[in-house]
Full PDB file with SEQRES, HELIX, SHEET, SSBOND, CRYST1, ORIGX, SCALE, CONECT and MASTER records, all heavy atoms in Angstrom:
SEQRES   1 A   29  LYS LEU TRP ARG VAL MET THR MET LYS ASP TRP ASP THR          
SEQRES   2 A   29  GLU PHE LYS ASN ASN LEU ASN ASP ARG GLN LEU GLY LYS          
SEQRES   3 A   29  ARG LYS TYR                                                  
HELIX    1 AA1 MET A    8  LEU A   24  1                                  17    
CRYST1    1.000    1.000    1.000  90.00  90.00  90.00 P 1           1          
ORIGX1      1.000000  0.000000  0.000000        0.00000                         
ORIGX2      0.000000  1.000000  0.000000        0.00000                         
ORIGX3      0.000000  0.000000  1.000000        0.00000                         
SCALE1      1.000000  0.000000  0.000000        0.00000                         
SCALE2      0.000000  1.000000  0.000000        0.00000                         
SCALE3      0.000000  0.000000  1.000000        0.00000                         
ATOM      1  N   LYS A   1       0.853  -1.202  -0.039  1.00  0.00           N  
ATOM      2  CA  LYS A   1       0.024   0.006  -0.016  1.00  0.00           C  
ATOM      3  C   LYS A   1       0.883   1.278  -0.024  1.00  0.00           C  
ATOM      4  O   LYS A   1       0.420   2.314  -0.497  1.00  0.00           O  
ATOM      5  CB  LYS A   1      -0.955   0.023   1.183  1.00  0.00           C  
ATOM      6  CG  LYS A   1      -2.062  -0.993   1.112  1.00  0.00           C  
ATOM      7  CD  LYS A   1      -2.956  -0.891   2.299  1.00  0.00           C  
ATOM      8  CE  LYS A   1      -4.026  -1.999   2.184  1.00  0.00           C  
ATOM      9  NZ  LYS A   1      -4.836  -2.046   3.383  1.00  0.00           N  
ATOM     10  N   LEU A   2       2.057   1.159   0.530  1.00  0.00           N  
ATOM     11  CA  LEU A   2       2.937   2.309   0.653  1.00  0.00           C  
ATOM     12  C   LEU A   2       3.952   2.405  -0.497  1.00  0.00           C  
ATOM     13  O   LEU A   2       4.260   3.489  -0.964  1.00  0.00           O  
ATOM     14  CB  LEU A   2       3.751   2.255   1.939  1.00  0.00           C  
ATOM     15  CG  LEU A   2       2.861   2.373   3.208  1.00  0.00           C  
ATOM     16  CD1 LEU A   2       3.739   2.192   4.439  1.00  0.00           C  
ATOM     17  CD2 LEU A   2       2.168   3.693   3.263  1.00  0.00           C  
ATOM     18  N   TRP A   3       4.492   1.252  -0.988  1.00  0.00           N  
ATOM     19  CA  TRP A   3       5.607   1.290  -1.952  1.00  0.00           C  
ATOM     20  C   TRP A   3       5.363   0.250  -3.028  1.00  0.00           C  
ATOM     21  O   TRP A   3       4.543  -0.675  -2.908  1.00  0.00           O  
ATOM     22  CB  TRP A   3       6.916   0.923  -1.240  1.00  0.00           C  
ATOM     23  CG  TRP A   3       7.343   1.962  -0.238  1.00  0.00           C  
ATOM     24  CD1 TRP A   3       7.798   3.209  -0.504  1.00  0.00           C  
ATOM     25  CD2 TRP A   3       7.349   1.826   1.176  1.00  0.00           C  
ATOM     26  NE1 TRP A   3       8.095   3.783   0.661  1.00  0.00           N  
ATOM     27  CE2 TRP A   3       7.859   3.025   1.688  1.00  0.00           C  
ATOM     28  CE3 TRP A   3       7.010   0.806   2.012  1.00  0.00           C  
ATOM     29  CZ2 TRP A   3       7.988   3.239   3.061  1.00  0.00           C  
ATOM     30  CZ3 TRP A   3       7.156   1.030   3.363  1.00  0.00           C  
ATOM     31  CH2 TRP A   3       7.633   2.231   3.859  1.00  0.00           C  
ATOM     32  N   ARG A   4       6.112   0.490  -4.108  1.00  0.00           N  
ATOM     33  CA  ARG A   4       6.177  -0.498  -5.208  1.00  0.00           C  
ATOM     34  C   ARG A   4       7.652  -0.830  -5.435  1.00  0.00           C  
ATOM     35  O   ARG A   4       8.502   0.041  -5.278  1.00  0.00           O  
ATOM     36  CB  ARG A   4       5.588   0.077  -6.477  1.00  0.00           C  
ATOM     37  CG  ARG A   4       4.108   0.291  -6.465  1.00  0.00           C  
ATOM     38  CD  ARG A   4       3.588   0.769  -7.751  1.00  0.00           C  
ATOM     39  NE  ARG A   4       4.169   2.118  -8.038  1.00  0.00           N  
ATOM     40  CZ  ARG A   4       4.391   2.618  -9.213  1.00  0.00           C  
ATOM     41  NH1 ARG A   4       4.029   1.923 -10.285  1.00  0.00           N  
ATOM     42  NH2 ARG A   4       4.893   3.824  -9.391  1.00  0.00           N  
ATOM     43  N   VAL A   5       7.892  -2.062  -5.809  1.00  0.00           N  
ATOM     44  CA  VAL A   5       9.224  -2.476  -6.159  1.00  0.00           C  
ATOM     45  C   VAL A   5       9.248  -2.893  -7.632  1.00  0.00           C  
ATOM     46  O   VAL A   5       8.381  -3.606  -8.082  1.00  0.00           O  
ATOM     47  CB  VAL A   5       9.653  -3.709  -5.272  1.00  0.00           C  
ATOM     48  CG1 VAL A   5      11.037  -4.207  -5.711  1.00  0.00           C  
ATOM     49  CG2 VAL A   5       9.595  -3.350  -3.787  1.00  0.00           C  
ATOM     50  N   MET A   6      10.258  -2.373  -8.372  1.00  0.00           N  
ATOM     51  CA  MET A   6      10.390  -2.689  -9.795  1.00  0.00           C  
ATOM     52  C   MET A   6      11.842  -2.549 -10.197  1.00  0.00           C  
ATOM     53  O   MET A   6      12.645  -2.020  -9.438  1.00  0.00           O  
ATOM     54  CB  MET A   6       9.465  -1.748 -10.604  1.00  0.00           C  
ATOM     55  CG  MET A   6       9.739  -0.270 -10.417  1.00  0.00           C  
ATOM     56  SD  MET A   6       8.660   0.857 -11.361  1.00  0.00           S  
ATOM     57  CE  MET A   6       7.123   0.529 -10.599  1.00  0.00           C  
ATOM     58  N   THR A   7      12.138  -2.982 -11.380  1.00  0.00           N  
ATOM     59  CA  THR A   7      13.519  -2.837 -11.846  1.00  0.00           C  
ATOM     60  C   THR A   7      13.667  -1.387 -12.295  1.00  0.00           C  
ATOM     61  O   THR A   7      12.734  -0.690 -12.571  1.00  0.00           O  
ATOM     62  CB  THR A   7      13.761  -3.741 -13.094  1.00  0.00           C  
ATOM     63  OG1 THR A   7      12.840  -3.391 -14.152  1.00  0.00           O  
ATOM     64  CG2 THR A   7      13.533  -5.205 -12.713  1.00  0.00           C  
ATOM     65  N   MET A   8      14.900  -0.968 -12.393  1.00  0.00           N  
ATOM     66  CA  MET A   8      15.191   0.427 -12.758  1.00  0.00           C  
ATOM     67  C   MET A   8      14.755   0.628 -14.180  1.00  0.00           C  
ATOM     68  O   MET A   8      14.192   1.709 -14.502  1.00  0.00           O  
ATOM     69  CB  MET A   8      16.661   0.714 -12.624  1.00  0.00           C  
ATOM     70  CG  MET A   8      17.087   2.058 -12.911  1.00  0.00           C  
ATOM     71  SD  MET A   8      16.369   3.137 -11.731  1.00  0.00           S  
ATOM     72  CE  MET A   8      16.865   4.722 -12.345  1.00  0.00           C  
ATOM     73  N   LYS A   9      14.881  -0.381 -15.022  1.00  0.00           N  
ATOM     74  CA  LYS A   9      14.411  -0.243 -16.433  1.00  0.00           C  
ATOM     75  C   LYS A   9      12.944  -0.026 -16.482  1.00  0.00           C  
ATOM     76  O   LYS A   9      12.423   0.818 -17.262  1.00  0.00           O  
ATOM     77  CB  LYS A   9      14.840  -1.514 -17.188  1.00  0.00           C  
ATOM     78  CG  LYS A   9      14.520  -1.500 -18.657  1.00  0.00           C  
ATOM     79  CD  LYS A   9      14.929  -2.701 -19.391  1.00  0.00           C  
ATOM     80  CE  LYS A   9      14.573  -2.692 -20.816  1.00  0.00           C  
ATOM     81  NZ  LYS A   9      14.966  -3.924 -21.522  1.00  0.00           N  
ATOM     82  N   ASP A  10      12.139  -0.812 -15.711  1.00  0.00           N  
ATOM     83  CA  ASP A  10      10.699  -0.654 -15.695  1.00  0.00           C  
ATOM     84  C   ASP A  10      10.281   0.719 -15.169  1.00  0.00           C  
ATOM     85  O   ASP A  10       9.344   1.376 -15.699  1.00  0.00           O  
ATOM     86  CB  ASP A  10      10.063  -1.721 -14.862  1.00  0.00           C  
ATOM     87  CG  ASP A  10      10.144  -3.107 -15.456  1.00  0.00           C  
ATOM     88  OD1 ASP A  10      10.375  -3.154 -16.653  1.00  0.00           O  
ATOM     89  OD2 ASP A  10       9.933  -4.115 -14.780  1.00  0.00           O  
ATOM     90  N   TRP A  11      10.970   1.167 -14.112  1.00  0.00           N  
ATOM     91  CA  TRP A  11      10.674   2.535 -13.560  1.00  0.00           C  
ATOM     92  C   TRP A  11      10.948   3.579 -14.601  1.00  0.00           C  
ATOM     93  O   TRP A  11      10.160   4.523 -14.737  1.00  0.00           O  
ATOM     94  CB  TRP A  11      11.488   2.769 -12.280  1.00  0.00           C  
ATOM     95  CG  TRP A  11      11.160   4.140 -11.741  1.00  0.00           C  
ATOM     96  CD1 TRP A  11      10.106   4.428 -10.904  1.00  0.00           C  
ATOM     97  CD2 TRP A  11      11.853   5.339 -11.959  1.00  0.00           C  
ATOM     98  NE1 TRP A  11      10.161   5.773 -10.627  1.00  0.00           N  
ATOM     99  CE2 TRP A  11      11.212   6.359 -11.245  1.00  0.00           C  
ATOM    100  CE3 TRP A  11      12.980   5.697 -12.681  1.00  0.00           C  
ATOM    101  CZ2 TRP A  11      11.621   7.651 -11.264  1.00  0.00           C  
ATOM    102  CZ3 TRP A  11      13.409   6.967 -12.718  1.00  0.00           C  
ATOM    103  CH2 TRP A  11      12.736   7.946 -11.997  1.00  0.00           C  
ATOM    104  N   ASP A  12      12.062   3.480 -15.285  1.00  0.00           N  
ATOM    105  CA  ASP A  12      12.447   4.441 -16.299  1.00  0.00           C  
ATOM    106  C   ASP A  12      11.376   4.540 -17.373  1.00  0.00           C  
ATOM    107  O   ASP A  12      10.960   5.651 -17.752  1.00  0.00           O  
ATOM    108  CB  ASP A  12      13.802   4.060 -16.886  1.00  0.00           C  
ATOM    109  CG  ASP A  12      14.698   5.192 -17.170  1.00  0.00           C  
ATOM    110  OD1 ASP A  12      14.433   6.364 -16.667  1.00  0.00           O  
ATOM    111  OD2 ASP A  12      15.666   5.020 -17.914  1.00  0.00           O  
ATOM    112  N   THR A  13      10.905   3.383 -17.866  1.00  0.00           N  
ATOM    113  CA  THR A  13       9.892   3.358 -18.871  1.00  0.00           C  
ATOM    114  C   THR A  13       8.591   3.962 -18.379  1.00  0.00           C  
ATOM    115  O   THR A  13       7.958   4.779 -19.054  1.00  0.00           O  
ATOM    116  CB  THR A  13       9.676   1.923 -19.364  1.00  0.00           C  
ATOM    117  OG1 THR A  13      10.891   1.372 -19.802  1.00  0.00           O  
ATOM    118  CG2 THR A  13       8.622   1.838 -20.436  1.00  0.00           C  
ATOM    119  N   GLU A  14       8.181   3.545 -17.198  1.00  0.00           N  
ATOM    120  CA  GLU A  14       6.926   4.009 -16.642  1.00  0.00           C  
ATOM    121  C   GLU A  14       6.950   5.529 -16.324  1.00  0.00           C  
ATOM    122  O   GLU A  14       6.059   6.243 -16.548  1.00  0.00           O  
ATOM    123  CB  GLU A  14       6.585   3.229 -15.354  1.00  0.00           C  
ATOM    124  CG  GLU A  14       5.268   3.543 -14.807  1.00  0.00           C  
ATOM    125  CD  GLU A  14       4.851   2.580 -13.629  1.00  0.00           C  
ATOM    126  OE1 GLU A  14       5.096   1.399 -13.774  1.00  0.00           O  
ATOM    127  OE2 GLU A  14       4.357   3.165 -12.600  1.00  0.00           O  
ATOM    128  N   PHE A  15       8.080   5.945 -15.756  1.00  0.00           N  
ATOM    129  CA  PHE A  15       8.197   7.389 -15.455  1.00  0.00           C  
ATOM    130  C   PHE A  15       8.168   8.257 -16.715  1.00  0.00           C  
ATOM    131  O   PHE A  15       7.435   9.258 -16.724  1.00  0.00           O  
ATOM    132  CB  PHE A  15       9.511   7.664 -14.745  1.00  0.00           C  
ATOM    133  CG  PHE A  15       9.770   9.063 -14.390  1.00  0.00           C  
ATOM    134  CD1 PHE A  15       9.077   9.656 -13.350  1.00  0.00           C  
ATOM    135  CD2 PHE A  15      10.648   9.906 -15.110  1.00  0.00           C  
ATOM    136  CE1 PHE A  15       9.236  10.979 -13.022  1.00  0.00           C  
ATOM    137  CE2 PHE A  15      10.786  11.182 -14.802  1.00  0.00           C  
ATOM    138  CZ  PHE A  15      10.154  11.749 -13.709  1.00  0.00           C  
ATOM    139  N   LYS A  16       8.812   7.833 -17.782  1.00  0.00           N  
ATOM    140  CA  LYS A  16       8.770   8.606 -19.030  1.00  0.00           C  
ATOM    141  C   LYS A  16       7.356   8.540 -19.641  1.00  0.00           C  
ATOM    142  O   LYS A  16       6.915   9.589 -20.143  1.00  0.00           O  
ATOM    143  CB  LYS A  16       9.776   8.008 -20.007  1.00  0.00           C  
ATOM    144  CG  LYS A  16      11.202   8.298 -19.638  1.00  0.00           C  
ATOM    145  CD  LYS A  16      12.179   7.710 -20.603  1.00  0.00           C  
ATOM    146  CE  LYS A  16      13.623   7.987 -20.134  1.00  0.00           C  
ATOM    147  NZ  LYS A  16      14.587   7.282 -20.971  1.00  0.00           N  
ATOM    148  N   ASN A  17       6.643   7.433 -19.545  1.00  0.00           N  
ATOM    149  CA  ASN A  17       5.285   7.384 -20.025  1.00  0.00           C  
ATOM    150  C   ASN A  17       4.366   8.356 -19.211  1.00  0.00           C  
ATOM    151  O   ASN A  17       3.546   9.016 -19.741  1.00  0.00           O  
ATOM    152  CB  ASN A  17       4.699   6.026 -19.992  1.00  0.00           C  
ATOM    153  CG  ASN A  17       5.379   5.167 -21.101  1.00  0.00           C  
ATOM    154  OD1 ASN A  17       5.867   5.646 -22.040  1.00  0.00           O  
ATOM    155  ND2 ASN A  17       5.289   3.869 -20.899  1.00  0.00           N  
ATOM    156  N   ASN A  18       4.532   8.271 -17.861  1.00  0.00           N  
ATOM    157  CA  ASN A  18       3.717   9.126 -17.037  1.00  0.00           C  
ATOM    158  C   ASN A  18       4.048  10.601 -17.213  1.00  0.00           C  
ATOM    159  O   ASN A  18       3.166  11.503 -17.224  1.00  0.00           O  
ATOM    160  CB  ASN A  18       3.871   8.779 -15.519  1.00  0.00           C  
ATOM    161  CG  ASN A  18       3.219   7.470 -15.189  1.00  0.00           C  
ATOM    162  OD1 ASN A  18       2.315   7.057 -15.867  1.00  0.00           O  
ATOM    163  ND2 ASN A  18       3.571   6.907 -14.081  1.00  0.00           N  
ATOM    164  N   LEU A  19       5.315  10.896 -17.414  1.00  0.00           N  
ATOM    165  CA  LEU A  19       5.701  12.286 -17.670  1.00  0.00           C  
ATOM    166  C   LEU A  19       5.104  12.794 -18.981  1.00  0.00           C  
ATOM    167  O   LEU A  19       4.612  13.901 -19.054  1.00  0.00           O  
ATOM    168  CB  LEU A  19       7.242  12.394 -17.695  1.00  0.00           C  
ATOM    169  CG  LEU A  19       7.770  13.815 -17.913  1.00  0.00           C  
ATOM    170  CD1 LEU A  19       7.441  14.694 -16.708  1.00  0.00           C  
ATOM    171  CD2 LEU A  19       9.300  13.731 -18.029  1.00  0.00           C  
ATOM    172  N   ASN A  20       5.154  11.944 -19.991  1.00  0.00           N  
ATOM    173  CA  ASN A  20       4.541  12.290 -21.310  1.00  0.00           C  
ATOM    174  C   ASN A  20       3.043  12.502 -21.162  1.00  0.00           C  
ATOM    175  O   ASN A  20       2.534  13.459 -21.719  1.00  0.00           O  
ATOM    176  CB  ASN A  20       4.856  11.151 -22.253  1.00  0.00           C  
ATOM    177  CG  ASN A  20       4.562  11.601 -23.720  1.00  0.00           C  
ATOM    178  OD1 ASN A  20       4.597  12.790 -24.005  1.00  0.00           O  
ATOM    179  ND2 ASN A  20       4.248  10.631 -24.565  1.00  0.00           N  
ATOM    180  N   ASP A  21       2.355  11.649 -20.368  1.00  0.00           N  
ATOM    181  CA  ASP A  21       0.932  11.831 -20.136  1.00  0.00           C  
ATOM    182  C   ASP A  21       0.620  13.125 -19.425  1.00  0.00           C  
ATOM    183  O   ASP A  21      -0.394  13.809 -19.630  1.00  0.00           O  
ATOM    184  CB  ASP A  21       0.398  10.611 -19.351  1.00  0.00           C  
ATOM    185  CG  ASP A  21       0.307   9.398 -20.219  1.00  0.00           C  
ATOM    186  OD1 ASP A  21       0.381   9.477 -21.422  1.00  0.00           O  
ATOM    187  OD2 ASP A  21       0.133   8.299 -19.590  1.00  0.00           O  
ATOM    188  N   ARG A  22       1.488  13.468 -18.447  1.00  0.00           N  
ATOM    189  CA  ARG A  22       1.278  14.710 -17.753  1.00  0.00           C  
ATOM    190  C   ARG A  22       1.404  15.892 -18.590  1.00  0.00           C  
ATOM    191  O   ARG A  22       0.733  16.877 -18.468  1.00  0.00           O  
ATOM    192  CB  ARG A  22       2.252  14.789 -16.511  1.00  0.00           C  
ATOM    193  CG  ARG A  22       1.956  13.865 -15.426  1.00  0.00           C  
ATOM    194  CD  ARG A  22       2.958  13.929 -14.318  1.00  0.00           C  
ATOM    195  NE  ARG A  22       2.967  12.727 -13.570  1.00  0.00           N  
ATOM    196  CZ  ARG A  22       4.011  12.240 -12.888  1.00  0.00           C  
ATOM    197  NH1 ARG A  22       5.092  12.880 -12.874  1.00  0.00           N  
ATOM    198  NH2 ARG A  22       3.872  11.131 -12.199  1.00  0.00           N  
ATOM    199  N   GLN A  23       2.401  15.866 -19.491  1.00  0.00           N  
ATOM    200  CA  GLN A  23       2.614  16.978 -20.366  1.00  0.00           C  
ATOM    201  C   GLN A  23       1.645  17.089 -21.507  1.00  0.00           C  
ATOM    202  O   GLN A  23       1.291  18.137 -21.961  1.00  0.00           O  
ATOM    203  CB  GLN A  23       4.024  16.890 -20.900  1.00  0.00           C  
ATOM    204  CG  GLN A  23       5.077  17.138 -19.834  1.00  0.00           C  
ATOM    205  CD  GLN A  23       6.501  16.975 -20.369  1.00  0.00           C  
ATOM    206  OE1 GLN A  23       6.705  16.377 -21.433  1.00  0.00           O  
ATOM    207  NE2 GLN A  23       7.449  17.488 -19.642  1.00  0.00           N  
ATOM    208  N   LEU A  24       1.254  15.890 -22.002  1.00  0.00           N  
ATOM    209  CA  LEU A  24       0.330  15.921 -23.187  1.00  0.00           C  
ATOM    210  C   LEU A  24      -1.116  15.580 -22.860  1.00  0.00           C  
ATOM    211  O   LEU A  24      -1.899  15.386 -23.788  1.00  0.00           O  
ATOM    212  CB  LEU A  24       0.895  14.855 -24.218  1.00  0.00           C  
ATOM    213  CG  LEU A  24       2.311  15.128 -24.715  1.00  0.00           C  
ATOM    214  CD1 LEU A  24       2.767  14.036 -25.552  1.00  0.00           C  
ATOM    215  CD2 LEU A  24       2.399  16.410 -25.414  1.00  0.00           C  
ATOM    216  N   GLY A  25      -1.431  15.550 -21.613  1.00  0.00           N  
ATOM    217  CA  GLY A  25      -2.731  15.200 -21.156  1.00  0.00           C  
ATOM    218  C   GLY A  25      -3.714  16.360 -21.393  1.00  0.00           C  
ATOM    219  O   GLY A  25      -3.473  17.354 -22.141  1.00  0.00           O  
ATOM    220  N   LYS A  26      -4.892  16.273 -20.860  1.00  0.00           N  
ATOM    221  CA  LYS A  26      -5.973  17.293 -21.028  1.00  0.00           C  
ATOM    222  C   LYS A  26      -5.556  18.631 -20.445  1.00  0.00           C  
ATOM    223  O   LYS A  26      -6.067  19.655 -20.868  1.00  0.00           O  
ATOM    224  CB  LYS A  26      -7.219  16.785 -20.335  1.00  0.00           C  
ATOM    225  CG  LYS A  26      -7.798  15.530 -20.964  1.00  0.00           C  
ATOM    226  CD  LYS A  26      -9.055  15.093 -20.195  1.00  0.00           C  
ATOM    227  CE  LYS A  26      -9.592  13.831 -20.854  1.00  0.00           C  
ATOM    228  NZ  LYS A  26     -10.752  13.264 -20.137  1.00  0.00           N  
ATOM    229  N   ARG A  27      -4.617  18.622 -19.489  1.00  0.00           N  
ATOM    230  CA  ARG A  27      -4.259  19.882 -18.878  1.00  0.00           C  
ATOM    231  C   ARG A  27      -3.213  20.591 -19.622  1.00  0.00           C  
ATOM    232  O   ARG A  27      -2.711  21.611 -19.202  1.00  0.00           O  
ATOM    233  CB  ARG A  27      -3.727  19.571 -17.456  1.00  0.00           C  
ATOM    234  CG  ARG A  27      -4.806  18.990 -16.469  1.00  0.00           C  
ATOM    235  CD  ARG A  27      -4.208  18.735 -15.166  1.00  0.00           C  
ATOM    236  NE  ARG A  27      -3.285  17.599 -15.256  1.00  0.00           N  
ATOM    237  CZ  ARG A  27      -2.410  17.306 -14.356  1.00  0.00           C  
ATOM    238  NH1 ARG A  27      -2.292  17.995 -13.300  1.00  0.00           N  
ATOM    239  NH2 ARG A  27      -1.631  16.232 -14.586  1.00  0.00           N  
ATOM    240  N   LYS A  28      -2.799  20.098 -20.756  1.00  0.00           N  
ATOM    241  CA  LYS A  28      -1.779  20.749 -21.563  1.00  0.00           C  
ATOM    242  C   LYS A  28      -2.194  22.107 -22.036  1.00  0.00           C  
ATOM    243  O   LYS A  28      -3.300  22.275 -22.582  1.00  0.00           O  
ATOM    244  CB  LYS A  28      -1.360  19.871 -22.762  1.00  0.00           C  
ATOM    245  CG  LYS A  28      -0.268  20.433 -23.587  1.00  0.00           C  
ATOM    246  CD  LYS A  28       0.074  19.530 -24.701  1.00  0.00           C  
ATOM    247  CE  LYS A  28       1.116  20.218 -25.587  1.00  0.00           C  
ATOM    248  NZ  LYS A  28       1.423  19.398 -26.715  1.00  0.00           N  
ATOM    249  N   TYR A  29      -1.353  23.073 -21.825  1.00  0.00           N  
ATOM    250  CA  TYR A  29      -1.664  24.465 -22.231  1.00  0.00           C  
ATOM    251  C   TYR A  29      -0.645  24.855 -23.330  1.00  0.00           C  
ATOM    252  O   TYR A  29       0.521  24.867 -23.092  1.00  0.00           O  
ATOM    253  CB  TYR A  29      -1.605  25.417 -21.112  1.00  0.00           C  
ATOM    254  CG  TYR A  29      -1.869  26.849 -21.443  1.00  0.00           C  
ATOM    255  CD1 TYR A  29      -3.014  27.202 -21.976  1.00  0.00           C  
ATOM    256  CD2 TYR A  29      -0.884  27.860 -21.277  1.00  0.00           C  
ATOM    257  CE1 TYR A  29      -3.320  28.534 -22.329  1.00  0.00           C  
ATOM    258  CE2 TYR A  29      -1.103  29.131 -21.628  1.00  0.00           C  
ATOM    259  CZ  TYR A  29      -2.328  29.466 -22.152  1.00  0.00           C  
ATOM    260  OH  TYR A  29      -2.568  30.758 -22.489  1.00  0.00           O  
TER     261      TYR A  29                                                      
MASTER        0    0    0    1    0    0    0    6  260    1    0    3          
END                                                                             
């Protein structure tokens, strides 16, 4: 409930995808 464990490669991929969604999502100005 507090943490997730993953490989650095998986985190890197997920972080970049989430960052892209944050920048290109509905809130993009």
